[in-house]
Amino acid sequence: MKVVMIRLVLVASMVAAASVSVRRWDFAHDCDMAPPWVIPLPTTAERPYAPEVRARVEPVPSFPAGAKVSLRTASAVDRGGRTREFVSVEFPAAAPTRANDYEVRLELRRGDVVRVLDTRRVYSPAYLWGAKKERERPVACLWPRDEMPAQGDLRFVVEPLSSYERRGAALTCAVAKGVGAWGAP
């Protein structure tokens, strides 16, 4: 009986309104997850929530002004249980438009040739939280030092991506002479 009553209340509010707004709320941190979804009525109207329309109008994520990539080394235990040296590539979360995920590339330059050595996709550690919480912690991507070349000019490139693969402006961080210049792992 309660289910029928809820359906009637929902239908009545939909008939009286020009649209239905669905607010996405993070109860754990008491903030909005993202802008609300707005569904126009009647349902025969254009649907802004259709994937082809959203892909076209979704904003491109971008990093805040003055954002930089920083590198640091750290020891950690890998999935095989071995202690290894890692390079941690750290950068701020995209704001004000949030990124779905980030693509981090390791590039090697020798002379005029630039070669992509590896590409990784990472989520923000606060991906499932509200936007306010996501900006509090940097995003990090770990690379084992023994899988990186010791010689050559390396560069890390970080790009924010929307849920429809639209790419924002990249951040870069160059490492002259490779990780060998940092000392033995």
C-alpha atoms as a PDB file:
ATOM      1  CA  MET A   1       0.000   0.000   0.000  1.00  0.00           C
ATOM      2  CA  LYS A   2       2.832   2.450   0.816  1.00  0.00           C
ATOM      3  CA  VAL A   3       4.500   1.832  -2.544  1.00  0.00           C
ATOM      4  CA  VAL A   4       1.310   2.772  -4.399  1.00  0.00           C
ATOM      5  CA  MET A   5       0.978   5.980  -2.376  1.00  0.00           C
ATOM      6  CA  ILE A   6       4.577   6.996  -3.070  1.00  0.00           C
ATOM      7  CA  ARG A   7       4.061   6.430  -6.792  1.00  0.00           C
ATOM      8  CA  LEU A   8       0.962   8.619  -6.747  1.00  0.00           C
ATOM      9  CA  VAL A   9       2.777  11.435  -4.947  1.00  0.00           C
ATOM     10  CA  LEU A  10       5.671  11.236  -7.400  1.00  0.00           C
ATOM     11  CA  VAL A  11       3.372  11.293 -10.422  1.00  0.00           C
ATOM     12  CA  ALA A  12       1.422  14.227  -8.994  1.00  0.00           C
ATOM     13  CA  SER A  13       4.601  16.238  -8.479  1.00  0.00           C
ATOM     14  CA  MET A  14       5.787  15.376 -11.997  1.00  0.00           C
ATOM     15  CA  VAL A  15       2.511  16.497 -13.586  1.00  0.00           C
ATOM     16  CA  ALA A  16       2.532  19.836 -11.754  1.00  0.00           C
ATOM     17  CA  ALA A  17       6.184  20.662 -12.537  1.00  0.00           C
ATOM     18  CA  ALA A  18       7.941  21.484 -15.820  1.00  0.00           C
ATOM     19  CA  SER A  19      10.844  19.251 -14.837  1.00  0.00           C
ATOM     20  CA  VAL A  20      12.075  16.865 -12.181  1.00  0.00           C
ATOM     21  CA  SER A  21      15.337  17.696 -10.459  1.00  0.00           C
ATOM     22  CA  VAL A  22      17.328  14.886  -8.842  1.00  0.00           C
ATOM     23  CA  ARG A  23      19.789  16.197  -6.299  1.00  0.00           C
ATOM     24  CA  ARG A  24      22.842  13.960  -5.709  1.00  0.00           C
ATOM     25  CA  TRP A  25      23.874  14.324  -2.078  1.00  0.00           C
ATOM     26  CA  ASP A  26      26.875  12.957  -0.161  1.00  0.00           C
ATOM     27  CA  PHE A  27      25.386  12.143   3.246  1.00  0.00           C
ATOM     28  CA  ALA A  28      28.740  11.175   4.773  1.00  0.00           C
ATOM     29  CA  HIS A  29      30.268  14.605   4.122  1.00  0.00           C
ATOM     30  CA  ASP A  30      27.095  16.720   3.958  1.00  0.00           C
ATOM     31  CA  CYS A  31      27.634  18.218   0.498  1.00  0.00           C
ATOM     32  CA  ASP A  32      26.441  17.935  -3.097  1.00  0.00           C
ATOM     33  CA  MET A  33      28.056  15.163  -5.146  1.00  0.00           C
ATOM     34  CA  ALA A  34      27.650  17.051  -8.407  1.00  0.00           C
ATOM     35  CA  PRO A  35      25.130  19.345 -10.085  1.00  0.00           C
ATOM     36  CA  PRO A  36      21.575  17.956 -10.043  1.00  0.00           C
ATOM     37  CA  TRP A  37      20.154  15.957 -12.913  1.00  0.00           C
ATOM     38  CA  VAL A  38      17.239  17.843 -14.494  1.00  0.00           C
ATOM     39  CA  ILE A  39      14.705  15.741 -16.402  1.00  0.00           C
ATOM     40  CA  PRO A  40      12.296  17.837 -18.489  1.00  0.00           C
ATOM     41  CA  LEU A  41       8.588  17.096 -18.718  1.00  0.00           C
ATOM     42  CA  PRO A  42       6.711  16.013 -20.711  1.00  0.00           C
ATOM     43  CA  THR A  43       8.862  13.037 -21.590  1.00  0.00           C
ATOM     44  CA  THR A  44       8.364  13.711 -25.303  1.00  0.00           C
ATOM     45  CA  ALA A  45      10.575  16.819 -24.966  1.00  0.00           C
ATOM     46  CA  GLU A  46      14.279  16.730 -25.866  1.00  0.00           C
ATOM     47  CA  ARG A  47      16.134  14.582 -23.373  1.00  0.00           C
ATOM     48  CA  PRO A  48      19.297  16.329 -22.128  1.00  0.00           C
ATOM     49  CA  TYR A  49      20.202  13.168 -20.193  1.00  0.00           C
ATOM     50  CA  ALA A  50      20.506  11.022 -23.334  1.00  0.00           C
ATOM     51  CA  PRO A  51      24.126   9.824 -23.813  1.00  0.00           C
ATOM     52  CA  GLU A  52      24.616  11.419 -27.226  1.00  0.00           C
ATOM     53  CA  VAL A  53      23.394  14.800 -25.957  1.00  0.00           C
ATOM     54  CA  ARG A  54      25.408  14.638 -22.711  1.00  0.00           C
ATOM     55  CA  ALA A  55      28.591  13.699 -24.579  1.00  0.00           C
ATOM     56  CA  ARG A  56      28.189  16.825 -26.692  1.00  0.00           C
ATOM     57  CA  VAL A  57      27.425  19.287 -23.874  1.00  0.00           C
ATOM     58  CA  GLU A  58      29.366  17.874 -20.919  1.00  0.00           C
ATOM     59  CA  PRO A  59      32.003  20.386 -19.750  1.00  0.00           C
ATOM     60  CA  VAL A  60      35.655  19.540 -20.238  1.00  0.00           C
ATOM     61  CA  PRO A  61      37.444  18.988 -16.913  1.00  0.00           C
ATOM     62  CA  SER A  62      40.353  21.264 -16.096  1.00  0.00           C
ATOM     63  CA  PHE A  63      42.950  21.696 -13.408  1.00  0.00           C
ATOM     64  CA  PRO A  64      42.848  24.732 -11.110  1.00  0.00           C
ATOM     65  CA  ALA A  65      45.059  27.689 -12.028  1.00  0.00           C
ATOM     66  CA  GLY A  66      48.645  27.187 -10.912  1.00  0.00           C
ATOM     67  CA  ALA A  67      48.301  23.405 -10.574  1.00  0.00           C
ATOM     68  CA  LYS A  68      51.556  21.447 -10.786  1.00  0.00           C
ATOM     69  CA  VAL A  69      52.688  17.842 -10.923  1.00  0.00           C
ATOM     70  CA  SER A  70      55.074  16.804  -8.169  1.00  0.00           C
ATOM     71  CA  LEU A  71      57.225  13.697  -7.922  1.00  0.00           C
ATOM     72  CA  ARG A  72      58.534  11.863  -4.900  1.00  0.00           C
ATOM     73  CA  THR A  73      60.006   8.449  -4.231  1.00  0.00           C
ATOM     74  CA  ALA A  74      58.534   5.977  -1.794  1.00  0.00           C
ATOM     75  CA  SER A  75      58.982   2.372  -0.731  1.00  0.00           C
ATOM     76  CA  ALA A  76      55.923   0.153  -0.783  1.00  0.00           C
ATOM     77  CA  VAL A  77      54.962  -3.495  -0.941  1.00  0.00           C
ATOM     78  CA  ASP A  78      53.674  -4.574  -4.352  1.00  0.00           C
ATOM     79  CA  ARG A  79      50.945  -7.150  -5.033  1.00  0.00           C
ATOM     80  CA  GLY A  80      53.540  -9.928  -5.054  1.00  0.00           C
ATOM     81  CA  GLY A  81      54.610  -9.067  -1.503  1.00  0.00           C
ATOM     82  CA  ARG A  82      57.981  -7.577  -2.562  1.00  0.00           C
ATOM     83  CA  THR A  83      59.215  -4.250  -1.189  1.00  0.00           C
ATOM     84  CA  ARG A  84      59.987  -1.960  -4.120  1.00  0.00           C
ATOM     85  CA  GLU A  85      60.873   1.657  -4.799  1.00  0.00           C
ATOM     86  CA  PHE A  86      58.152   3.671  -6.510  1.00  0.00           C
ATOM     87  CA  VAL A  87      57.911   7.110  -8.068  1.00  0.00           C
ATOM     88  CA  SER A  88      54.711   8.795  -6.921  1.00  0.00           C
ATOM     89  CA  VAL A  89      53.279  11.236  -9.482  1.00  0.00           C
ATOM     90  CA  GLU A  90      51.000  13.592  -7.511  1.00  0.00           C
ATOM     91  CA  PHE A  91      48.678  16.322  -8.776  1.00  0.00           C
ATOM     92  CA  PRO A  92      45.546  18.181  -7.603  1.00  0.00           C
ATOM     93  CA  ALA A  93      42.048  17.058  -8.525  1.00  0.00           C
ATOM     94  CA  ALA A  94      40.431  18.849 -11.462  1.00  0.00           C
ATOM     95  CA  ALA A  95      38.199  21.754 -10.426  1.00  0.00           C
ATOM     96  CA  PRO A  96      35.684  23.359 -10.794  1.00  0.00           C
ATOM     97  CA  THR A  97      34.588  20.757 -13.368  1.00  0.00           C
ATOM     98  CA  ARG A  98      35.372  17.318 -11.960  1.00  0.00           C
ATOM     99  CA  ALA A  99      37.178  14.659 -13.942  1.00  0.00           C
ATOM    100  CA  ASN A 100      35.875  11.118 -14.236  1.00  0.00           C
ATOM    101  CA  ASP A 101      39.453   9.830 -14.224  1.00  0.00           C
ATOM    102  CA  TYR A 102      42.977  10.866 -15.159  1.00  0.00           C
ATOM    103  CA  GLU A 103      45.358   9.539 -17.783  1.00  0.00           C
ATOM    104  CA  VAL A 104      49.008   9.600 -16.694  1.00  0.00           C
ATOM    105  CA  ARG A 105      51.632   8.938 -19.382  1.00  0.00           C
ATOM    106  CA  LEU A 106      55.330   8.320 -19.013  1.00  0.00           C
ATOM    107  CA  GLU A 107      57.201   9.612 -22.067  1.00  0.00           C
ATOM    108  CA  LEU A 108      60.852   9.240 -23.064  1.00  0.00           C
ATOM    109  CA  ARG A 109      62.572  11.791 -25.264  1.00  0.00           C
ATOM    110  CA  ARG A 110      65.789  11.048 -27.084  1.00  0.00           C
ATOM    111  CA  GLY A 111      66.756  13.788 -29.478  1.00  0.00           C
ATOM    112  CA  ASP A 112      63.684  14.755 -31.512  1.00  0.00           C
ATOM    113  CA  VAL A 113      61.841  11.490 -30.851  1.00  0.00           C
ATOM    114  CA  VAL A 114      59.201  11.284 -28.087  1.00  0.00           C
ATOM    115  CA  ARG A 115      57.984   7.804 -27.219  1.00  0.00           C
ATOM    116  CA  VAL A 116      55.144   6.902 -24.832  1.00  0.00           C
ATOM    117  CA  LEU A 117      56.535   4.188 -22.552  1.00  0.00           C
ATOM    118  CA  ASP A 118      53.480   3.529 -20.413  1.00  0.00           C
ATOM    119  CA  THR A 119      49.979   4.879 -19.797  1.00  0.00           C
ATOM    120  CA  ARG A 120      47.916   4.490 -16.647  1.00  0.00           C
ATOM    121  CA  ARG A 121      44.387   5.541 -15.730  1.00  0.00           C
ATOM    122  CA  VAL A 122      43.690   6.553 -12.131  1.00  0.00           C
ATOM    123  CA  TYR A 123      40.697   7.804 -10.171  1.00  0.00           C
ATOM    124  CA  SER A 124      40.846  10.444  -7.500  1.00  0.00           C
ATOM    125  CA  PRO A 125      40.983   8.893  -3.996  1.00  0.00           C
ATOM    126  CA  ALA A 126      37.789  10.855  -3.259  1.00  0.00           C
ATOM    127  CA  TYR A 127      36.063   9.959  -6.550  1.00  0.00           C
ATOM    128  CA  LEU A 128      32.890   8.719  -4.855  1.00  0.00           C
ATOM    129  CA  TRP A 129      32.681  11.690  -2.477  1.00  0.00           C
ATOM    130  CA  GLY A 130      31.371  15.175  -3.035  1.00  0.00           C
ATOM    131  CA  ALA A 131      33.376  17.714  -5.039  1.00  0.00           C
ATOM    132  CA  LYS A 132      34.269  19.665  -1.892  1.00  0.00           C
ATOM    133  CA  LYS A 133      36.001  16.609  -0.377  1.00  0.00           C
ATOM    134  CA  GLU A 134      37.742  15.659  -3.618  1.00  0.00           C
ATOM    135  CA  ARG A 135      39.734  18.909  -3.675  1.00  0.00           C
ATOM    136  CA  GLU A 136      41.193  18.221  -0.205  1.00  0.00           C
ATOM    137  CA  ARG A 137      43.516  15.377  -1.266  1.00  0.00           C
ATOM    138  CA  PRO A 138      45.952  15.104  -4.183  1.00  0.00           C
ATOM    139  CA  VAL A 139      45.613  12.349  -6.759  1.00  0.00           C
ATOM    140  CA  ALA A 140      48.582   9.972  -6.986  1.00  0.00           C
ATOM    141  CA  CYS A 141      49.823   7.432  -9.513  1.00  0.00           C
ATOM    142  CA  LEU A 142      52.657   5.047  -8.612  1.00  0.00           C
ATOM    143  CA  TRP A 143      55.352   3.809 -11.009  1.00  0.00           C
ATOM    144  CA  PRO A 144      57.914   1.156 -10.005  1.00  0.00           C
ATOM    145  CA  ARG A 145      61.374   2.687 -10.448  1.00  0.00           C
ATOM    146  CA  ASP A 146      62.808  -0.554 -11.812  1.00  0.00           C
ATOM    147  CA  GLU A 147      60.324  -0.385 -14.721  1.00  0.00           C
ATOM    148  CA  MET A 148      61.515   3.092 -15.742  1.00  0.00           C
ATOM    149  CA  PRO A 149      64.604   3.747 -17.856  1.00  0.00           C
ATOM    150  CA  ALA A 150      67.616   5.007 -15.926  1.00  0.00           C
ATOM    151  CA  GLN A 151      68.816   7.160 -18.861  1.00  0.00           C
ATOM    152  CA  GLY A 152      67.099   9.706 -21.096  1.00  0.00           C
ATOM    153  CA  ASP A 153      64.808  12.650 -20.562  1.00  0.00           C
ATOM    154  CA  LEU A 154      61.540  11.494 -19.022  1.00  0.00           C
ATOM    155  CA  ARG A 155      58.292  13.400 -18.829  1.00  0.00           C
ATOM    156  CA  PHE A 156      55.054  12.675 -16.995  1.00  0.00           C
ATOM    157  CA  VAL A 157      51.896  13.996 -18.692  1.00  0.00           C
ATOM    158  CA  VAL A 158      48.600  14.130 -16.748  1.00  0.00           C
ATOM    159  CA  GLU A 159      45.269  14.730 -18.513  1.00  0.00           C
ATOM    160  CA  PRO A 160      41.835  14.944 -16.846  1.00  0.00           C
ATOM    161  CA  LEU A 161      39.094  13.060 -18.701  1.00  0.00           C
ATOM    162  CA  SER A 162      35.326  13.416 -18.569  1.00  0.00           C
ATOM    163  CA  SER A 163      33.046  10.397 -18.454  1.00  0.00           C
ATOM    164  CA  TYR A 164      32.724  10.730 -22.252  1.00  0.00           C
ATOM    165  CA  GLU A 165      36.518  10.821 -22.805  1.00  0.00           C
ATOM    166  CA  ARG A 166      36.730  14.578 -23.387  1.00  0.00           C
ATOM    167  CA  ARG A 167      40.263  15.644 -22.446  1.00  0.00           C
ATOM    168  CA  GLY A 168      41.210  18.741 -20.514  1.00  0.00           C
ATOM    169  CA  ALA A 169      44.509  20.638 -20.725  1.00  0.00           C
ATOM    170  CA  ALA A 170      47.471  18.524 -19.605  1.00  0.00           C
ATOM    171  CA  LEU A 171      49.942  19.100 -16.795  1.00  0.00           C
ATOM    172  CA  THR A 172      53.537  17.987 -17.385  1.00  0.00           C
ATOM    173  CA  CYS A 173      56.590  17.317 -15.275  1.00  0.00           C
ATOM    174  CA  ALA A 174      59.992  16.697 -16.863  1.00  0.00           C
ATOM    175  CA  VAL A 175      62.738  14.576 -15.308  1.00  0.00           C
ATOM    176  CA  ALA A 176      66.138  15.273 -16.880  1.00  0.00           C
ATOM    177  CA  LYS A 177      68.534  12.324 -17.199  1.00  0.00           C
ATOM    178  CA  GLY A 178      65.989   9.717 -16.063  1.00  0.00           C
ATOM    179  CA  VAL A 179      65.469   8.182 -12.639  1.00  0.00           C
ATOM    180  CA  GLY A 180      69.098   7.048 -12.555  1.00  0.00           C
ATOM    181  CA  ALA A 181      69.992  10.616 -11.555  1.00  0.00           C
ATOM    182  CA  TRP A 182      68.034  10.120  -8.278  1.00  0.00           C
ATOM    183  CA  GLY A 183      70.463   7.522  -6.960  1.00  0.00           C
ATOM    184  CA  ALA A 184      70.188   3.760  -6.584  1.00  0.00           C
ATOM    185  CA  PRO A 185      66.724   2.359  -5.878  1.00  0.00           C
END
